[in-house]
Amino acid sequence: MAQHHNHPHGSEGLTSSVLADRLRRAGQRVTPQRLVILGALLPSGHLAADEVFARVEGQLPGVNRSTVYRTLDLFSELGLVSVTDLGGGARQYELLDQPHHHLICHRCGEAIEMDDALIEPMREAIRARYGFAPQVDHLALFGFCIECQHAPPARDGADDVE
């Protein structure tokens, strides 16, 4: 399943000093391991935990896989990293530098990033109707990309577009 990923948001502007500051503001110790794990998420979009581990292991030989996984979970709890299932059940990790959202194709797996401005009317409608202030920093909507909408249906009919 191909994962195309358009990136309008700016994680490329993050530096290790900015990442260290984020850890401090979250009340966490800044350790070399934590900085390397955060830094492993910088150059690209969503990575599976195994991919993060491979990048970290390249910089910190002998690092324990469970340490990387626990640290990713901690970063998620702290709001430093988003965890998303972009389809297929595999959790994907990405630095949260600003709100961003995804349109995920059920059929081909394409992941298109969507502008946060499109979500604002939904936030306002929820506030008005329910008196609830939603924090929507990372949203994934599943459906069918333009190519798959016009492609012949699969033989089993499992991905019919209506």
C-alpha atoms as a PDB file:
ATOM      1  CA  MET A   1       0.000   0.000   0.000  1.00  0.00           C
ATOM      2  CA  ALA A   2       1.674   3.224  -1.152  1.00  0.00           C
ATOM      3  CA  GLN A   3       1.837   6.088   1.300  1.00  0.00           C
ATOM      4  CA  HIS A   4       2.122   9.378  -0.557  1.00  0.00           C
ATOM      5  CA  HIS A   5       2.506  12.178   1.895  1.00  0.00           C
ATOM      6  CA  ASN A   6       2.255  15.860   1.047  1.00  0.00           C
ATOM      7  CA  HIS A   7       3.797  18.069   3.723  1.00  0.00           C
ATOM      8  CA  PRO A   8       2.560  21.663   3.977  1.00  0.00           C
ATOM      9  CA  HIS A   9       3.566  22.007   7.620  1.00  0.00           C
ATOM     10  CA  GLY A  10       7.019  23.050   8.752  1.00  0.00           C
ATOM     11  CA  SER A  11       8.822  20.480  10.906  1.00  0.00           C
ATOM     12  CA  GLU A  12      11.951  21.210   8.882  1.00  0.00           C
ATOM     13  CA  GLY A  13      12.389  24.411  10.961  1.00  0.00           C
ATOM     14  CA  LEU A  14      12.742  22.470  14.206  1.00  0.00           C
ATOM     15  CA  THR A  15      16.218  22.253  15.715  1.00  0.00           C
ATOM     16  CA  SER A  16      17.609  20.207  18.585  1.00  0.00           C
ATOM     17  CA  SER A  17      17.486  23.298  20.825  1.00  0.00           C
ATOM     18  CA  VAL A  18      13.788  23.765  20.000  1.00  0.00           C
ATOM     19  CA  LEU A  19      13.166  20.075  20.708  1.00  0.00           C
ATOM     20  CA  ALA A  20      15.060  20.351  24.020  1.00  0.00           C
ATOM     21  CA  ASP A  21      12.937  23.373  24.945  1.00  0.00           C
ATOM     22  CA  ARG A  22       9.762  21.408  24.185  1.00  0.00           C
ATOM     23  CA  LEU A  23      10.901  18.643  26.529  1.00  0.00           C
ATOM     24  CA  ARG A  24      11.698  21.139  29.310  1.00  0.00           C
ATOM     25  CA  ARG A  25       8.330  22.885  28.931  1.00  0.00           C
ATOM     26  CA  ALA A  26       6.664  19.467  29.237  1.00  0.00           C
ATOM     27  CA  GLY A  27       8.493  18.983  32.547  1.00  0.00           C
ATOM     28  CA  GLN A  28      10.813  16.307  31.172  1.00  0.00           C
ATOM     29  CA  ARG A  29      14.552  15.821  31.454  1.00  0.00           C
ATOM     30  CA  VAL A  30      16.497  16.483  28.287  1.00  0.00           C
ATOM     31  CA  THR A  31      18.617  13.412  27.610  1.00  0.00           C
ATOM     32  CA  PRO A  32      20.683  12.539  24.553  1.00  0.00           C
ATOM     33  CA  GLN A  33      18.421   9.529  23.895  1.00  0.00           C
ATOM     34  CA  ARG A  34      15.264  11.642  23.966  1.00  0.00           C
ATOM     35  CA  LEU A  35      16.770  14.219  21.620  1.00  0.00           C
ATOM     36  CA  VAL A  36      17.876  11.529  19.178  1.00  0.00           C
ATOM     37  CA  ILE A  37      14.406   9.924  19.246  1.00  0.00           C
ATOM     38  CA  LEU A  38      12.702  13.275  18.620  1.00  0.00           C
ATOM     39  CA  GLY A  39      15.274  14.121  15.970  1.00  0.00           C
ATOM     40  CA  ALA A  40      14.617  10.825  14.188  1.00  0.00           C
ATOM     41  CA  LEU A  41      11.138  12.143  13.375  1.00  0.00           C
ATOM     42  CA  LEU A  42      12.396  15.376  11.794  1.00  0.00           C
ATOM     43  CA  PRO A  43      13.359  14.569   8.222  1.00  0.00           C
ATOM     44  CA  SER A  44      10.104  13.002   7.114  1.00  0.00           C
ATOM     45  CA  GLY A  45       6.457  12.534   7.860  1.00  0.00           C
ATOM     46  CA  HIS A  46       4.911   9.553   9.520  1.00  0.00           C
ATOM     47  CA  LEU A  47       7.178   6.749  10.666  1.00  0.00           C
ATOM     48  CA  ALA A  48       6.361   3.403  12.229  1.00  0.00           C
ATOM     49  CA  ALA A  49       8.024   2.712  15.584  1.00  0.00           C
ATOM     50  CA  ASP A  50      10.375   0.218  13.898  1.00  0.00           C
ATOM     51  CA  GLU A  51      11.496   2.920  11.459  1.00  0.00           C
ATOM     52  CA  VAL A  52      12.157   5.333  14.333  1.00  0.00           C
ATOM     53  CA  PHE A  53      14.084   2.595  16.135  1.00  0.00           C
ATOM     54  CA  ALA A  54      16.233   1.929  13.030  1.00  0.00           C
ATOM     55  CA  ARG A  55      17.125   5.628  12.765  1.00  0.00           C
ATOM     56  CA  VAL A  56      17.887   5.894  16.486  1.00  0.00           C
ATOM     57  CA  GLU A  57      19.950   2.700  16.499  1.00  0.00           C
ATOM     58  CA  GLY A  58      22.086   4.173  13.724  1.00  0.00           C
ATOM     59  CA  GLN A  59      23.024   7.056  16.039  1.00  0.00           C
ATOM     60  CA  LEU A  60      22.938   5.227  19.376  1.00  0.00           C
ATOM     61  CA  PRO A  61      24.128   1.652  18.777  1.00  0.00           C
ATOM     62  CA  GLY A  62      22.895  -0.691  21.481  1.00  0.00           C
ATOM     63  CA  VAL A  63      19.792   1.360  22.328  1.00  0.00           C
ATOM     64  CA  ASN A  64      16.972  -0.883  23.508  1.00  0.00           C
ATOM     65  CA  ARG A  65      13.939  -1.173  21.221  1.00  0.00           C
ATOM     66  CA  SER A  66      11.567  -0.992  24.203  1.00  0.00           C
ATOM     67  CA  THR A  67      13.212   2.277  25.310  1.00  0.00           C
ATOM     68  CA  VAL A  68      12.416   3.826  21.935  1.00  0.00           C
ATOM     69  CA  TYR A  69       8.825   2.537  22.052  1.00  0.00           C
ATOM     70  CA  ARG A  70       8.239   3.755  25.627  1.00  0.00           C
ATOM     71  CA  THR A  71       9.743   7.133  24.771  1.00  0.00           C
ATOM     72  CA  LEU A  72       7.472   7.480  21.725  1.00  0.00           C
ATOM     73  CA  ASP A  73       4.476   6.705  23.960  1.00  0.00           C
ATOM     74  CA  LEU A  74       5.668   9.314  26.483  1.00  0.00           C
ATOM     75  CA  PHE A  75       6.071  11.911  23.728  1.00  0.00           C
ATOM     76  CA  SER A  76       2.553  11.121  22.548  1.00  0.00           C
ATOM     77  CA  GLU A  77       1.136  11.577  26.072  1.00  0.00           C
ATOM     78  CA  LEU A  78       2.981  14.909  26.328  1.00  0.00           C
ATOM     79  CA  GLY A  79       1.560  16.121  23.013  1.00  0.00           C
ATOM     80  CA  LEU A  80       4.977  16.329  21.356  1.00  0.00           C
ATOM     81  CA  VAL A  81       4.259  13.532  18.892  1.00  0.00           C
ATOM     82  CA  SER A  82       1.054  12.499  17.178  1.00  0.00           C
ATOM     83  CA  VAL A  83       0.148   8.851  16.734  1.00  0.00           C
ATOM     84  CA  THR A  84      -2.101   8.006  13.822  1.00  0.00           C
ATOM     85  CA  ASP A  85      -3.348   4.881  12.138  1.00  0.00           C
ATOM     86  CA  LEU A  86      -3.107   5.786   8.464  1.00  0.00           C
ATOM     87  CA  GLY A  87      -4.686   2.467   7.544  1.00  0.00           C
ATOM     88  CA  GLY A  88      -3.469  -1.069   7.846  1.00  0.00           C
ATOM     89  CA  GLY A  89      -3.381  -0.967  11.657  1.00  0.00           C
ATOM     90  CA  ALA A  90       0.224   0.232  11.943  1.00  0.00           C
ATOM     91  CA  ARG A  91       0.691   3.180  14.270  1.00  0.00           C
ATOM     92  CA  GLN A  92       2.601   6.054  12.682  1.00  0.00           C
ATOM     93  CA  TYR A  93       4.463   8.714  14.662  1.00  0.00           C
ATOM     94  CA  GLU A  94       5.068  12.329  13.663  1.00  0.00           C
ATOM     95  CA  LEU A  95       6.266  15.455  15.445  1.00  0.00           C
ATOM     96  CA  LEU A  96       3.416  17.818  16.223  1.00  0.00           C
ATOM     97  CA  ASP A  97       4.636  21.182  15.038  1.00  0.00           C
ATOM     98  CA  GLN A  98       1.203  22.549  14.143  1.00  0.00           C
ATOM     99  CA  PRO A  99      -2.270  21.098  13.590  1.00  0.00           C
ATOM    100  CA  HIS A 100      -2.568  19.047  10.436  1.00  0.00           C
ATOM    101  CA  HIS A 101      -4.977  16.506   9.092  1.00  0.00           C
ATOM    102  CA  HIS A 102      -5.045  13.661   6.593  1.00  0.00           C
ATOM    103  CA  LEU A 103      -7.267  12.292   3.884  1.00  0.00           C
ATOM    104  CA  ILE A 104      -6.502   8.568   3.600  1.00  0.00           C
ATOM    105  CA  CYS A 105      -7.563   6.466   0.626  1.00  0.00           C
ATOM    106  CA  HIS A 106      -8.977   3.080   1.653  1.00  0.00           C
ATOM    107  CA  ARG A 107      -7.979   1.532  -1.640  1.00  0.00           C
ATOM    108  CA  CYS A 108      -4.455   2.729  -2.527  1.00  0.00           C
ATOM    109  CA  GLY A 109      -3.332   4.123   0.838  1.00  0.00           C
ATOM    110  CA  GLU A 110      -2.577   7.629  -0.418  1.00  0.00           C
ATOM    111  CA  ALA A 111      -2.257  10.051   2.505  1.00  0.00           C
ATOM    112  CA  ILE A 112      -2.916  13.685   1.605  1.00  0.00           C
ATOM    113  CA  GLU A 113      -2.397  16.394   4.203  1.00  0.00           C
ATOM    114  CA  MET A 114      -5.324  18.762   4.567  1.00  0.00           C
ATOM    115  CA  ASP A 115      -5.168  22.395   5.675  1.00  0.00           C
ATOM    116  CA  ASP A 116      -6.280  23.046   9.270  1.00  0.00           C
ATOM    117  CA  ALA A 117      -8.453  25.950   8.034  1.00  0.00           C
ATOM    118  CA  LEU A 118     -10.886  23.382   6.620  1.00  0.00           C
ATOM    119  CA  ILE A 119     -11.426  21.958  10.117  1.00  0.00           C
ATOM    120  CA  GLU A 120     -12.208  25.296  11.796  1.00  0.00           C
ATOM    121  CA  PRO A 121     -15.903  25.342  10.720  1.00  0.00           C
ATOM    122  CA  MET A 122     -16.289  21.902  12.317  1.00  0.00           C
ATOM    123  CA  ARG A 123     -14.703  23.160  15.559  1.00  0.00           C
ATOM    124  CA  GLU A 124     -17.067  26.156  15.572  1.00  0.00           C
ATOM    125  CA  ALA A 125     -20.126  23.984  14.880  1.00  0.00           C
ATOM    126  CA  ILE A 126     -19.226  21.651  17.761  1.00  0.00           C
ATOM    127  CA  ARG A 127     -18.723  24.617  20.106  1.00  0.00           C
ATOM    128  CA  ALA A 128     -22.059  26.154  19.084  1.00  0.00           C
ATOM    129  CA  ARG A 129     -24.091  22.953  19.190  1.00  0.00           C
ATOM    130  CA  TYR A 130     -22.589  21.162  22.201  1.00  0.00           C
ATOM    131  CA  GLY A 131     -20.761  23.872  24.159  1.00  0.00           C
ATOM    132  CA  PHE A 132     -17.656  21.721  23.782  1.00  0.00           C
ATOM    133  CA  ALA A 133     -14.265  23.126  22.783  1.00  0.00           C
ATOM    134  CA  PRO A 134     -12.654  20.424  20.631  1.00  0.00           C
ATOM    135  CA  GLN A 135      -8.903  20.205  20.356  1.00  0.00           C
ATOM    136  CA  VAL A 136      -8.456  18.831  16.867  1.00  0.00           C
ATOM    137  CA  ASP A 137      -4.735  18.851  16.189  1.00  0.00           C
ATOM    138  CA  HIS A 138      -4.475  15.691  14.104  1.00  0.00           C
ATOM    139  CA  LEU A 139      -7.432  14.210  12.260  1.00  0.00           C
ATOM    140  CA  ALA A 140      -7.528  11.374   9.718  1.00  0.00           C
ATOM    141  CA  LEU A 141     -10.519  11.050   7.392  1.00  0.00           C
ATOM    142  CA  PHE A 142     -10.843   7.859   5.365  1.00  0.00           C
ATOM    143  CA  GLY A 143     -12.413   7.622   1.932  1.00  0.00           C
ATOM    144  CA  PHE A 144     -11.314   7.310  -1.686  1.00  0.00           C
ATOM    145  CA  CYS A 145      -8.887   9.493  -3.638  1.00  0.00           C
ATOM    146  CA  ILE A 146      -9.906  10.883  -7.026  1.00  0.00           C
ATOM    147  CA  GLU A 147      -8.082   8.140  -8.944  1.00  0.00           C
ATOM    148  CA  CYS A 148      -9.671   5.329  -6.932  1.00  0.00           C
ATOM    149  CA  GLN A 149     -13.139   6.867  -7.230  1.00  0.00           C
ATOM    150  CA  HIS A 150     -12.857   6.448 -10.993  1.00  0.00           C
ATOM    151  CA  ALA A 151     -11.033   3.102 -11.015  1.00  0.00           C
ATOM    152  CA  PRO A 152     -12.919  -0.129 -11.692  1.00  0.00           C
ATOM    153  CA  PRO A 153     -14.206  -1.662  -8.442  1.00  0.00           C
ATOM    154  CA  ALA A 154     -12.286  -4.487  -6.813  1.00  0.00           C
ATOM    155  CA  ARG A 155     -13.603  -7.967  -7.600  1.00  0.00           C
ATOM    156  CA  ASP A 156     -14.823  -8.548  -4.043  1.00  0.00           C
ATOM    157  CA  GLY A 157     -16.685  -5.205  -4.016  1.00  0.00           C
ATOM    158  CA  ALA A 158     -15.139  -4.375  -0.644  1.00  0.00           C
ATOM    159  CA  ASP A 159     -14.136  -0.873  -1.674  1.00  0.00           C
ATOM    160  CA  ASP A 160     -17.214   0.270  -3.568  1.00  0.00           C
ATOM    161  CA  VAL A 161     -17.521   4.049  -3.776  1.00  0.00           C
ATOM    162  CA  GLU A 162     -20.988   5.513  -3.444  1.00  0.00           C
END
